[in-house]
C-alpha cells in the first residue's frame, strides 16, 4: 500500500511540474550566447477552450477562456478542420491530464468527411499577444 502511495505522489509531483516555468521571464538575464532569455511556459486546461479556427493548413488557433489565444502547429496539416463543427483536443503523454503548455504535443481529432475521424498531431507553439490577435485576419480569429 505504501509503494502505491509513493508512486502516486511521484506522478502527482511530475504532473504539477509539467507546466512550471522553464527559465527566466523576459525581464531576466540574457542567455550565454547573448540571445533573449527563455520564456516561461504558458498553460491552459483543455476544458477552457471555447473556440478554434484554422490559419495556414498547418496552423490552428484556439480561444482559451475569455481573452487568451494560442497558436498550434500541425505536423503535415489538419484536413477537414475547415468544415468541422467540433473537434477534440487530447494531450499526449497522459500524465499531464487535461493541461497543456507551450511546447507540449497533443492530438486534434476532427470528424472526417471520408472517414469516421481524422487525427492531427499538433504542438502548442505559443500564446499570442493582444496585438498579434488584433493583427489576425478576421476569419482566423477564434
N, C-alpha and C. Protein backbone atom coordinates (compact mmCIF):
# COMPACT_ATOMS: atom_id res chain seq x y z
N UNK A 1 0.83 -1.19 0.00
CA UNK A 1 0.00 0.00 0.00
C UNK A 1 0.87 1.25 0.00
N UNK A 2 1.93 1.26 0.78
CA UNK A 2 2.82 2.43 0.85
C UNK A 2 3.51 2.67 -0.49
N UNK A 3 3.90 1.61 -1.21
CA UNK A 3 4.54 1.76 -2.51
C UNK A 3 3.60 2.44 -3.50
N UNK A 4 2.32 2.08 -3.45
CA UNK A 4 1.34 2.70 -4.34
C UNK A 4 1.20 4.19 -4.03
N UNK A 5 1.19 4.54 -2.76
CA UNK A 5 1.09 5.94 -2.37
C UNK A 5 2.31 6.71 -2.85
N UNK A 6 3.49 6.14 -2.70
CA UNK A 6 4.72 6.80 -3.12
C UNK A 6 4.72 7.00 -4.63
N UNK A 7 4.33 5.99 -5.38
CA UNK A 7 4.28 6.11 -6.83
C UNK A 7 3.29 7.18 -7.25
N UNK A 8 2.12 7.22 -6.60
CA UNK A 8 1.14 8.23 -6.98
C UNK A 8 1.61 9.63 -6.59
N UNK A 9 2.36 9.74 -5.50
CA UNK A 9 2.90 11.04 -5.11
C UNK A 9 3.92 11.54 -6.13
N UNK A 10 4.75 10.62 -6.65
CA UNK A 10 5.73 10.99 -7.67
C UNK A 10 5.02 11.42 -8.95
N UNK A 11 3.99 10.66 -9.36
CA UNK A 11 3.24 11.01 -10.56
C UNK A 11 2.58 12.37 -10.38
N UNK A 12 2.00 12.63 -9.22
CA UNK A 12 1.36 13.92 -8.96
C UNK A 12 2.39 15.05 -9.01
N UNK A 13 3.55 14.83 -8.43
CA UNK A 13 4.59 15.86 -8.44
C UNK A 13 5.05 16.15 -9.87
N UNK A 14 5.20 15.10 -10.68
CA UNK A 14 5.60 15.29 -12.08
C UNK A 14 4.53 16.03 -12.85
N UNK A 15 3.27 15.72 -12.61
CA UNK A 15 2.19 16.40 -13.31
C UNK A 15 2.15 17.87 -12.93
N UNK A 16 2.40 18.18 -11.67
CA UNK A 16 2.39 19.57 -11.23
C UNK A 16 3.55 20.36 -11.81
N UNK A 17 4.69 19.72 -11.99
CA UNK A 17 5.85 20.44 -12.52
C UNK A 17 5.87 20.47 -14.04
N UNK A 18 4.97 19.74 -14.69
CA UNK A 18 4.98 19.70 -16.15
C UNK A 18 4.78 21.06 -16.78
N UNK A 19 4.05 21.94 -16.12
CA UNK A 19 3.81 23.27 -16.67
C UNK A 19 4.50 24.36 -15.88
N UNK A 20 5.50 24.00 -15.12
CA UNK A 20 6.25 25.00 -14.37
C UNK A 20 7.11 25.81 -15.32
N UNK A 21 7.40 27.07 -14.97
CA UNK A 21 8.28 27.87 -15.84
C UNK A 21 9.61 27.17 -16.05
N UNK A 22 10.14 27.28 -17.27
CA UNK A 22 11.38 26.58 -17.59
C UNK A 22 12.58 27.51 -17.60
N UNK A 23 12.39 28.78 -17.35
CA UNK A 23 13.51 29.71 -17.36
C UNK A 23 13.07 31.03 -16.79
N UNK A 24 13.87 32.02 -17.00
CA UNK A 24 13.52 33.33 -16.50
C UNK A 24 12.53 34.01 -17.43
N UNK A 25 11.88 35.04 -16.95
CA UNK A 25 10.94 35.78 -17.78
C UNK A 25 11.71 36.78 -18.62
N UNK A 26 10.97 37.53 -19.43
CA UNK A 26 11.62 38.47 -20.33
C UNK A 26 12.46 39.52 -19.60
N UNK A 27 12.17 39.74 -18.32
CA UNK A 27 12.96 40.72 -17.57
C UNK A 27 14.21 40.11 -16.97
N UNK A 28 14.42 38.81 -17.17
CA UNK A 28 15.57 38.12 -16.60
C UNK A 28 16.81 38.31 -17.45
N UNK A 29 17.92 37.70 -17.04
CA UNK A 29 19.19 37.87 -17.75
C UNK A 29 19.18 37.19 -19.11
N UNK A 30 20.05 37.66 -19.99
CA UNK A 30 20.19 37.07 -21.32
C UNK A 30 20.88 35.72 -21.21
N UNK A 31 20.75 34.92 -22.25
CA UNK A 31 21.38 33.61 -22.28
C UNK A 31 22.88 33.77 -22.53
N UNK A 32 23.62 32.67 -22.42
CA UNK A 32 25.07 32.69 -22.58
C UNK A 32 25.48 33.17 -23.97
N UNK A 33 24.65 32.88 -25.00
CA UNK A 33 25.01 33.31 -26.35
C UNK A 33 24.54 34.73 -26.67
N UNK A 34 24.05 35.44 -25.64
CA UNK A 34 23.63 36.82 -25.82
C UNK A 34 22.22 36.98 -26.35
N UNK A 35 21.50 35.86 -26.55
CA UNK A 35 20.14 35.92 -27.06
C UNK A 35 19.14 36.27 -25.96
N UNK A 36 17.89 36.26 -26.33
CA UNK A 36 16.84 36.54 -25.37
C UNK A 36 16.76 35.42 -24.34
N UNK A 37 16.30 35.74 -23.12
CA UNK A 37 16.15 34.69 -22.10
C UNK A 37 15.00 33.77 -22.48
N UNK A 38 15.01 32.53 -21.97
CA UNK A 38 13.92 31.61 -22.26
C UNK A 38 12.60 32.15 -21.70
N UNK A 39 11.50 31.89 -22.42
CA UNK A 39 10.18 32.32 -21.96
C UNK A 39 9.61 31.31 -20.97
N UNK A 40 8.81 31.82 -20.04
CA UNK A 40 8.09 30.93 -19.13
C UNK A 40 7.01 30.22 -19.94
N UNK A 41 6.77 28.97 -19.62
CA UNK A 41 5.74 28.22 -20.33
C UNK A 41 4.37 28.72 -19.92
N UNK A 42 3.49 28.85 -20.88
CA UNK A 42 2.12 29.28 -20.63
C UNK A 42 1.22 28.06 -20.77
N UNK A 43 0.30 27.89 -19.82
CA UNK A 43 -0.52 26.68 -19.77
C UNK A 43 -2.00 27.02 -19.74
N UNK A 44 -2.80 26.03 -20.14
CA UNK A 44 -4.25 26.14 -20.07
C UNK A 44 -4.84 24.74 -19.91
N UNK A 45 -6.06 24.71 -19.45
CA UNK A 45 -6.79 23.46 -19.32
C UNK A 45 -7.62 23.25 -20.59
N UNK A 46 -7.70 22.03 -21.06
CA UNK A 46 -8.46 21.72 -22.27
C UNK A 46 -9.92 22.16 -22.10
N UNK A 47 -10.44 22.07 -20.90
CA UNK A 47 -11.83 22.45 -20.67
C UNK A 47 -12.07 23.95 -20.84
N UNK A 48 -11.01 24.76 -20.87
CA UNK A 48 -11.15 26.21 -21.05
C UNK A 48 -11.24 26.61 -22.52
N UNK A 49 -10.97 25.69 -23.44
CA UNK A 49 -11.01 26.01 -24.87
C UNK A 49 -12.47 26.17 -25.28
N UNK A 50 -12.80 27.32 -25.89
CA UNK A 50 -14.18 27.52 -26.29
C UNK A 50 -14.37 27.86 -27.77
N UNK A 51 -13.28 27.94 -28.54
CA UNK A 51 -13.42 28.16 -29.97
C UNK A 51 -12.08 27.83 -30.65
N UNK A 52 -12.13 27.64 -31.96
CA UNK A 52 -10.92 27.36 -32.72
C UNK A 52 -11.13 27.85 -34.15
N UNK A 53 -10.03 28.15 -34.83
CA UNK A 53 -10.05 28.46 -36.25
C UNK A 53 -8.77 27.91 -36.87
N UNK A 54 -8.79 27.82 -38.17
CA UNK A 54 -7.61 27.37 -38.90
C UNK A 54 -6.93 28.58 -39.52
N UNK A 55 -5.61 28.62 -39.41
CA UNK A 55 -4.83 29.66 -40.08
C UNK A 55 -4.36 29.08 -41.40
N UNK A 56 -3.05 28.91 -41.53
CA UNK A 56 -2.49 28.19 -42.69
C UNK A 56 -2.90 26.72 -42.57
N UNK A 57 -2.65 25.92 -43.59
CA UNK A 57 -3.02 24.50 -43.50
C UNK A 57 -2.41 23.76 -42.30
N UNK A 58 -1.26 24.24 -41.80
CA UNK A 58 -0.61 23.57 -40.67
C UNK A 58 -0.77 24.35 -39.37
N UNK A 59 -1.75 25.25 -39.29
CA UNK A 59 -1.87 26.15 -38.15
C UNK A 59 -3.31 26.17 -37.63
N UNK A 60 -3.43 26.09 -36.30
CA UNK A 60 -4.73 26.16 -35.63
C UNK A 60 -4.62 27.20 -34.52
N UNK A 61 -5.66 28.02 -34.37
CA UNK A 61 -5.72 28.98 -33.28
C UNK A 61 -6.83 28.58 -32.33
N UNK A 62 -6.55 28.60 -31.04
CA UNK A 62 -7.53 28.27 -30.02
C UNK A 62 -7.86 29.50 -29.20
N UNK A 63 -9.14 29.71 -28.93
CA UNK A 63 -9.56 30.73 -27.95
C UNK A 63 -9.70 29.98 -26.63
N UNK A 64 -8.96 30.44 -25.64
CA UNK A 64 -8.95 29.81 -24.33
C UNK A 64 -9.46 30.83 -23.32
N UNK A 65 -10.52 30.46 -22.62
CA UNK A 65 -11.12 31.41 -21.69
C UNK A 65 -11.68 32.58 -22.46
N UNK A 66 -11.61 33.75 -21.86
CA UNK A 66 -12.19 34.94 -22.49
C UNK A 66 -11.24 35.64 -23.46
N UNK A 67 -9.96 35.73 -23.10
CA UNK A 67 -9.06 36.58 -23.87
C UNK A 67 -7.85 35.89 -24.49
N UNK A 68 -7.47 34.73 -24.03
CA UNK A 68 -6.23 34.11 -24.50
C UNK A 68 -6.43 33.40 -25.84
N UNK A 69 -5.44 33.54 -26.72
CA UNK A 69 -5.43 32.83 -27.99
C UNK A 69 -4.08 32.13 -28.11
N UNK A 70 -4.12 30.83 -28.39
CA UNK A 70 -2.91 30.03 -28.55
C UNK A 70 -2.79 29.59 -29.99
N UNK A 71 -1.54 29.51 -30.46
CA UNK A 71 -1.24 29.01 -31.80
C UNK A 71 -0.74 27.58 -31.67
N UNK A 72 -1.31 26.69 -32.48
CA UNK A 72 -0.87 25.30 -32.56
C UNK A 72 -0.37 25.06 -33.97
N UNK A 73 0.70 24.29 -34.10
CA UNK A 73 1.23 23.93 -35.41
C UNK A 73 1.06 22.45 -35.62
N UNK A 74 0.38 22.10 -36.72
CA UNK A 74 0.08 20.70 -37.04
C UNK A 74 1.18 20.10 -37.89
N UNK A 75 1.54 18.88 -37.59
CA UNK A 75 2.51 18.15 -38.39
C UNK A 75 1.78 17.63 -39.63
N UNK A 76 2.14 18.15 -40.80
CA UNK A 76 1.53 17.68 -42.04
C UNK A 76 0.14 18.23 -42.30
N UNK A 77 -0.28 19.26 -41.61
CA UNK A 77 -1.59 19.85 -41.84
C UNK A 77 -2.68 19.14 -41.07
N UNK A 78 -3.87 19.69 -41.16
CA UNK A 78 -5.01 19.14 -40.42
C UNK A 78 -6.24 19.18 -41.33
N UNK A 79 -6.42 18.13 -42.16
CA UNK A 79 -7.53 18.12 -43.11
C UNK A 79 -8.88 18.08 -42.39
N UNK A 80 -9.89 18.56 -43.06
CA UNK A 80 -11.28 18.58 -42.58
C UNK A 80 -11.55 19.57 -41.46
N UNK A 81 -10.55 20.31 -41.01
CA UNK A 81 -10.75 21.25 -39.90
C UNK A 81 -11.66 22.41 -40.31
N UNK A 82 -11.56 22.85 -41.55
CA UNK A 82 -12.36 23.99 -42.01
C UNK A 82 -13.87 23.75 -41.89
N UNK A 83 -14.29 22.51 -42.03
CA UNK A 83 -15.71 22.22 -42.07
C UNK A 83 -16.21 21.52 -40.80
N UNK A 84 -15.34 21.34 -39.84
CA UNK A 84 -15.72 20.62 -38.61
C UNK A 84 -16.57 21.50 -37.71
N UNK A 85 -17.64 20.94 -37.18
CA UNK A 85 -18.50 21.64 -36.22
C UNK A 85 -17.91 21.55 -34.81
N UNK A 86 -17.12 20.52 -34.58
CA UNK A 86 -16.49 20.33 -33.28
C UNK A 86 -15.21 19.52 -33.46
N UNK A 87 -14.30 19.67 -32.51
CA UNK A 87 -13.05 18.91 -32.50
C UNK A 87 -12.78 18.48 -31.07
N UNK A 88 -11.90 17.52 -30.92
CA UNK A 88 -11.44 17.11 -29.59
C UNK A 88 -9.94 17.38 -29.52
N UNK A 89 -9.50 17.90 -28.39
CA UNK A 89 -8.08 18.16 -28.15
C UNK A 89 -7.63 17.22 -27.05
N UNK A 90 -6.67 16.34 -27.38
CA UNK A 90 -6.23 15.30 -26.45
C UNK A 90 -4.73 15.46 -26.20
N UNK A 91 -4.33 15.78 -24.96
CA UNK A 91 -2.90 15.91 -24.65
C UNK A 91 -2.16 14.59 -24.87
N UNK A 92 -0.93 14.66 -25.39
CA UNK A 92 -0.07 13.48 -25.50
C UNK A 92 0.54 13.19 -24.13
N UNK A 93 0.91 11.98 -23.91
CA UNK A 93 1.65 11.62 -22.71
C UNK A 93 0.81 11.14 -21.55
N UNK A 94 -0.43 11.52 -21.48
CA UNK A 94 -1.31 11.01 -20.44
C UNK A 94 -1.07 11.53 -19.05
N UNK A 95 0.20 11.78 -18.65
CA UNK A 95 0.47 12.18 -17.27
C UNK A 95 -0.03 13.59 -16.96
N UNK A 96 -0.05 14.46 -17.91
CA UNK A 96 -0.41 15.85 -17.64
C UNK A 96 -1.92 16.05 -17.52
N UNK A 97 -2.70 15.00 -17.71
CA UNK A 97 -4.14 15.13 -17.60
C UNK A 97 -4.69 15.98 -18.72
N UNK A 98 -5.49 16.97 -18.39
CA UNK A 98 -6.10 17.80 -19.42
C UNK A 98 -5.43 19.17 -19.49
N UNK A 99 -4.22 19.29 -19.00
CA UNK A 99 -3.50 20.56 -19.00
C UNK A 99 -2.45 20.54 -20.10
N UNK A 100 -2.40 21.62 -20.89
CA UNK A 100 -1.42 21.75 -21.95
C UNK A 100 -0.63 23.03 -21.77
N UNK A 101 0.65 22.98 -22.11
CA UNK A 101 1.54 24.13 -22.00
C UNK A 101 2.25 24.34 -23.33
N UNK A 102 2.81 25.54 -23.52
CA UNK A 102 3.58 25.78 -24.73
C UNK A 102 4.69 24.74 -24.83
N UNK A 103 4.95 24.31 -26.04
CA UNK A 103 5.91 23.26 -26.40
C UNK A 103 5.42 21.84 -26.13
N UNK A 104 4.20 21.68 -25.60
CA UNK A 104 3.62 20.34 -25.43
C UNK A 104 3.04 19.87 -26.77
N UNK A 105 2.89 18.55 -26.88
CA UNK A 105 2.28 17.94 -28.06
C UNK A 105 0.91 17.42 -27.69
N UNK A 106 -0.01 17.47 -28.65
CA UNK A 106 -1.37 16.98 -28.45
C UNK A 106 -1.90 16.46 -29.78
N UNK A 107 -3.10 15.93 -29.74
CA UNK A 107 -3.78 15.48 -30.96
C UNK A 107 -5.11 16.21 -31.08
N UNK A 108 -5.41 16.65 -32.27
CA UNK A 108 -6.71 17.23 -32.58
C UNK A 108 -7.46 16.17 -33.37
N UNK A 109 -8.61 15.75 -32.86
CA UNK A 109 -9.43 14.75 -33.53
C UNK A 109 -10.58 15.49 -34.19
N UNK A 110 -10.67 15.34 -35.52
CA UNK A 110 -11.66 16.03 -36.32
C UNK A 110 -12.57 15.00 -36.97
N UNK A 111 -13.90 15.16 -36.82
CA UNK A 111 -14.78 14.25 -37.56
C UNK A 111 -14.47 14.35 -39.04
N UNK A 112 -14.21 13.23 -39.70
CA UNK A 112 -13.77 13.24 -41.09
C UNK A 112 -14.89 13.24 -42.09
N UNK A 113 -14.59 13.71 -43.29
CA UNK A 113 -15.58 13.69 -44.36
C UNK A 113 -15.55 12.35 -45.09
N UNK A 114 -14.40 11.69 -45.13
CA UNK A 114 -14.29 10.42 -45.84
C UNK A 114 -14.04 9.25 -44.90
N UNK A 115 -13.79 9.54 -43.62
CA UNK A 115 -13.58 8.50 -42.62
C UNK A 115 -14.24 8.97 -41.32
N UNK A 116 -14.38 8.07 -40.35
CA UNK A 116 -15.04 8.48 -39.10
C UNK A 116 -14.36 9.67 -38.43
N UNK A 117 -13.03 9.74 -38.47
CA UNK A 117 -12.33 10.88 -37.88
C UNK A 117 -10.92 10.98 -38.44
N UNK A 118 -10.37 12.19 -38.34
CA UNK A 118 -9.00 12.46 -38.74
C UNK A 118 -8.26 12.93 -37.50
N UNK A 119 -7.05 12.45 -37.31
CA UNK A 119 -6.24 12.85 -36.16
C UNK A 119 -5.05 13.66 -36.66
N UNK A 120 -4.89 14.83 -36.09
CA UNK A 120 -3.76 15.70 -36.43
C UNK A 120 -2.89 15.83 -35.20
N UNK A 121 -1.60 15.66 -35.37
CA UNK A 121 -0.66 15.86 -34.27
C UNK A 121 -0.24 17.32 -34.28
N UNK A 122 -0.36 17.99 -33.12
CA UNK A 122 -0.06 19.42 -33.04
C UNK A 122 0.88 19.71 -31.88
N UNK A 123 1.60 20.81 -32.02
CA UNK A 123 2.46 21.32 -30.95
C UNK A 123 1.90 22.67 -30.52
N UNK A 124 1.76 22.86 -29.22
CA UNK A 124 1.30 24.13 -28.68
C UNK A 124 2.48 25.10 -28.81
N UNK A 125 2.42 26.02 -29.75
CA UNK A 125 3.55 26.88 -30.05
C UNK A 125 3.69 28.03 -29.07
N UNK A 126 2.61 28.80 -28.92
CA UNK A 126 2.73 30.00 -28.09
C UNK A 126 1.36 30.60 -27.84
N UNK A 127 1.33 31.49 -26.85
CA UNK A 127 0.15 32.31 -26.62
C UNK A 127 0.38 33.63 -27.33
N UNK A 128 -0.57 34.06 -28.13
CA UNK A 128 -0.44 35.30 -28.87
C UNK A 128 -0.67 36.50 -27.95
N UNK A 129 0.00 37.60 -28.25
CA UNK A 129 -0.23 38.84 -27.53
C UNK A 129 -1.53 39.47 -28.04
N UNK A 130 -2.02 40.47 -27.34
CA UNK A 130 -3.23 41.18 -27.79
C UNK A 130 -3.03 41.78 -29.17
N UNK A 131 -1.86 42.34 -29.42
CA UNK A 131 -1.57 42.95 -30.72
C UNK A 131 -1.55 41.89 -31.82
N UNK A 132 -1.01 40.71 -31.54
CA UNK A 132 -0.98 39.64 -32.54
C UNK A 132 -2.39 39.13 -32.84
N UNK A 133 -3.23 39.05 -31.82
CA UNK A 133 -4.62 38.62 -32.03
C UNK A 133 -5.34 39.65 -32.89
N UNK A 134 -5.15 40.95 -32.58
CA UNK A 134 -5.78 42.01 -33.36
C UNK A 134 -5.30 42.02 -34.81
N UNK A 135 -4.06 41.60 -35.04
CA UNK A 135 -3.49 41.60 -36.39
C UNK A 135 -3.94 40.39 -37.23
N UNK A 136 -4.54 39.38 -36.60
CA UNK A 136 -5.02 38.23 -37.35
C UNK A 136 -6.13 38.65 -38.29
N UNK A 137 -6.22 37.99 -39.43
CA UNK A 137 -7.35 38.22 -40.34
C UNK A 137 -8.62 37.82 -39.62
N UNK A 138 -9.73 38.51 -39.84
CA UNK A 138 -10.96 38.20 -39.12
C UNK A 138 -11.37 36.72 -39.19
N UNK A 139 -11.17 36.07 -40.33
CA UNK A 139 -11.56 34.66 -40.45
C UNK A 139 -10.64 33.73 -39.66
N UNK A 140 -9.46 34.24 -39.25
CA UNK A 140 -8.53 33.42 -38.47
C UNK A 140 -8.67 33.65 -36.95
N UNK A 141 -9.43 34.66 -36.55
CA UNK A 141 -9.60 34.98 -35.14
C UNK A 141 -10.62 34.04 -34.51
N UNK A 142 -10.22 33.24 -33.54
CA UNK A 142 -11.19 32.34 -32.90
C UNK A 142 -12.14 33.10 -31.97
